[in-house]
Amino acid sequence: MRYATSTLMSPRQVIEAAELSFGRAGLGLDVVERRHDGLTLAGPQGSVSLTIESVDGTNEVFLSTEGLDLQVRQFMAEIFEQRHLHSQAEP
């Protein structure tokens, strides 16, 4: 399944958050590929791949998954919420 969301988190922050959520410390997936604009993780329970593109001051995050739809939707909500909390804090 493919998903997309936006965030004010930097690409590096998104990649770090994804690795925490889906990597060994989270779901236990292995990092298969790490790029400056994304990350791919895989394991017995499924896979997650994400790519980040900067668009008009926000970062668009494109995700695809096999077998981990619920976890990917939760991750998307977390990084979107970071955007929402950040914009509320601004004067």
C-alpha atoms as a PDB file:
ATOM      1  CA  MET A   1       0.000   0.000   0.000  1.00  0.00           C
ATOM      2  CA  ARG A   2       1.195   3.552  -0.696  1.00  0.00           C
ATOM      3  CA  TYR A   3       0.718   6.578   1.538  1.00  0.00           C
ATOM      4  CA  ALA A   4       1.755  10.236   1.722  1.00  0.00           C
ATOM      5  CA  THR A   5       1.773  12.943   4.378  1.00  0.00           C
ATOM      6  CA  SER A   6       3.503  16.235   5.082  1.00  0.00           C
ATOM      7  CA  THR A   7       5.589  17.397   8.020  1.00  0.00           C
ATOM      8  CA  LEU A   8       7.748  20.287   9.160  1.00  0.00           C
ATOM      9  CA  MET A   9      10.296  17.784  10.470  1.00  0.00           C
ATOM     10  CA  SER A  10      13.546  17.813   8.510  1.00  0.00           C
ATOM     11  CA  PRO A  11      14.336  14.877   6.219  1.00  0.00           C
ATOM     12  CA  ARG A  12      16.987  13.768   8.711  1.00  0.00           C
ATOM     13  CA  GLN A  13      14.456  13.883  11.575  1.00  0.00           C
ATOM     14  CA  VAL A  14      11.933  11.869   9.548  1.00  0.00           C
ATOM     15  CA  ILE A  15      14.553   9.244   8.698  1.00  0.00           C
ATOM     16  CA  GLU A  16      15.661   9.014  12.342  1.00  0.00           C
ATOM     17  CA  ALA A  17      12.042   8.726  13.523  1.00  0.00           C
ATOM     18  CA  ALA A  18      11.340   6.014  10.934  1.00  0.00           C
ATOM     19  CA  GLU A  19      14.396   4.057  11.992  1.00  0.00           C
ATOM     20  CA  LEU A  20      13.320   4.286  15.649  1.00  0.00           C
ATOM     21  CA  SER A  21       9.752   3.227  14.854  1.00  0.00           C
ATOM     22  CA  PHE A  22      10.454   0.489  12.339  1.00  0.00           C
ATOM     23  CA  GLY A  23      14.096  -0.488  12.941  1.00  0.00           C
ATOM     24  CA  ARG A  24      15.612  -2.804  15.535  1.00  0.00           C
ATOM     25  CA  ALA A  25      14.527  -0.614  18.471  1.00  0.00           C
ATOM     26  CA  GLY A  26      10.927  -0.537  17.191  1.00  0.00           C
ATOM     27  CA  LEU A  27       9.383  -3.247  15.039  1.00  0.00           C
ATOM     28  CA  GLY A  28      12.713  -5.000  14.548  1.00  0.00           C
ATOM     29  CA  LEU A  29      13.121  -4.414  10.813  1.00  0.00           C
ATOM     30  CA  ASP A  30      16.575  -4.268   9.244  1.00  0.00           C
ATOM     31  CA  VAL A  31      17.733  -1.212   7.304  1.00  0.00           C
ATOM     32  CA  VAL A  32      18.088  -2.383   3.707  1.00  0.00           C
ATOM     33  CA  GLU A  33      18.906   1.010   2.195  1.00  0.00           C
ATOM     34  CA  ARG A  34      19.635   4.444   3.642  1.00  0.00           C
ATOM     35  CA  ARG A  35      19.683   7.555   1.427  1.00  0.00           C
ATOM     36  CA  HIS A  36      19.786  11.284   2.115  1.00  0.00           C
ATOM     37  CA  ASP A  37      16.120  11.437   1.068  1.00  0.00           C
ATOM     38  CA  GLY A  38      14.771   8.175   2.426  1.00  0.00           C
ATOM     39  CA  LEU A  39      15.047   4.775   3.976  1.00  0.00           C
ATOM     40  CA  THR A  40      13.996   1.191   3.284  1.00  0.00           C
ATOM     41  CA  LEU A  41      13.553  -1.395   6.028  1.00  0.00           C
ATOM     42  CA  ALA A  42      12.514  -5.033   5.827  1.00  0.00           C
ATOM     43  CA  GLY A  43      12.007  -8.076   8.006  1.00  0.00           C
ATOM     44  CA  PRO A  44       9.894 -11.217   8.353  1.00  0.00           C
ATOM     45  CA  GLN A  45       6.791  -9.189   9.241  1.00  0.00           C
ATOM     46  CA  GLY A  46       6.972  -6.885   6.195  1.00  0.00           C
ATOM     47  CA  SER A  47       8.718  -3.879   4.718  1.00  0.00           C
ATOM     48  CA  VAL A  48       8.572  -0.078   4.792  1.00  0.00           C
ATOM     49  CA  SER A  49      10.089   2.334   2.313  1.00  0.00           C
ATOM     50  CA  LEU A  50       9.954   6.110   2.544  1.00  0.00           C
ATOM     51  CA  THR A  51      11.096   8.996   0.396  1.00  0.00           C
ATOM     52  CA  ILE A  52      11.078  12.661   1.416  1.00  0.00           C
ATOM     53  CA  GLU A  53      10.681  15.608  -0.957  1.00  0.00           C
ATOM     54  CA  SER A  54      10.841  19.269   0.084  1.00  0.00           C
ATOM     55  CA  VAL A  55       7.886  21.270  -1.265  1.00  0.00           C
ATOM     56  CA  ASP A  56       7.107  24.895  -0.381  1.00  0.00           C
ATOM     57  CA  GLY A  57       8.628  24.868   3.108  1.00  0.00           C
ATOM     58  CA  THR A  58       7.282  21.489   4.158  1.00  0.00           C
ATOM     59  CA  ASN A  59       8.507  17.984   3.572  1.00  0.00           C
ATOM     60  CA  GLU A  60       6.282  15.549   1.739  1.00  0.00           C
ATOM     61  CA  VAL A  61       6.819  11.993   2.934  1.00  0.00           C
ATOM     62  CA  PHE A  62       5.890   9.160   0.570  1.00  0.00           C
ATOM     63  CA  LEU A  63       5.671   5.718   2.126  1.00  0.00           C
ATOM     64  CA  SER A  64       5.005   2.251   0.815  1.00  0.00           C
ATOM     65  CA  THR A  65       4.587  -0.901   2.858  1.00  0.00           C
ATOM     66  CA  GLU A  66       3.865  -4.566   2.668  1.00  0.00           C
ATOM     67  CA  GLY A  67       2.260  -6.039   5.758  1.00  0.00           C
ATOM     68  CA  LEU A  68       2.644  -3.034   8.078  1.00  0.00           C
ATOM     69  CA  ASP A  69      -0.198  -0.708   7.079  1.00  0.00           C
ATOM     70  CA  LEU A  70      -1.385  -0.013  10.631  1.00  0.00           C
ATOM     71  CA  GLN A  71       2.116   0.834  11.837  1.00  0.00           C
ATOM     72  CA  VAL A  72       2.774   3.077   8.824  1.00  0.00           C
ATOM     73  CA  ARG A  73      -0.502   4.964   9.397  1.00  0.00           C
ATOM     74  CA  GLN A  74       0.467   5.453  13.060  1.00  0.00           C
ATOM     75  CA  PHE A  75       3.893   6.768  12.014  1.00  0.00           C
ATOM     76  CA  MET A  76       2.267   9.154   9.525  1.00  0.00           C
ATOM     77  CA  ALA A  77      -0.009  10.506  12.260  1.00  0.00           C
ATOM     78  CA  GLU A  78       3.002  11.080  14.527  1.00  0.00           C
ATOM     79  CA  ILE A  79       5.042  13.025  11.973  1.00  0.00           C
ATOM     80  CA  PHE A  80       1.978  14.993  10.833  1.00  0.00           C
ATOM     81  CA  GLU A  81       1.179  15.824  14.459  1.00  0.00           C
ATOM     82  CA  GLN A  82       4.722  17.202  14.844  1.00  0.00           C
ATOM     83  CA  ARG A  83       3.860  19.559  11.987  1.00  0.00           C
ATOM     84  CA  HIS A  84       0.600  20.570  13.645  1.00  0.00           C
ATOM     85  CA  LEU A  85       2.186  21.124  17.074  1.00  0.00           C
ATOM     86  CA  HIS A  86       4.998  23.175  15.504  1.00  0.00           C
ATOM     87  CA  SER A  87       2.578  25.449  13.624  1.00  0.00           C
ATOM     88  CA  GLN A  88       0.484  26.040  16.771  1.00  0.00           C
ATOM     89  CA  ALA A  89       3.585  27.126  18.697  1.00  0.00           C
ATOM     90  CA  GLU A  90       4.416  29.841  16.182  1.00  0.00           C
ATOM     91  CA  PRO A  91       3.041  33.338  16.988  1.00  0.00           C
END
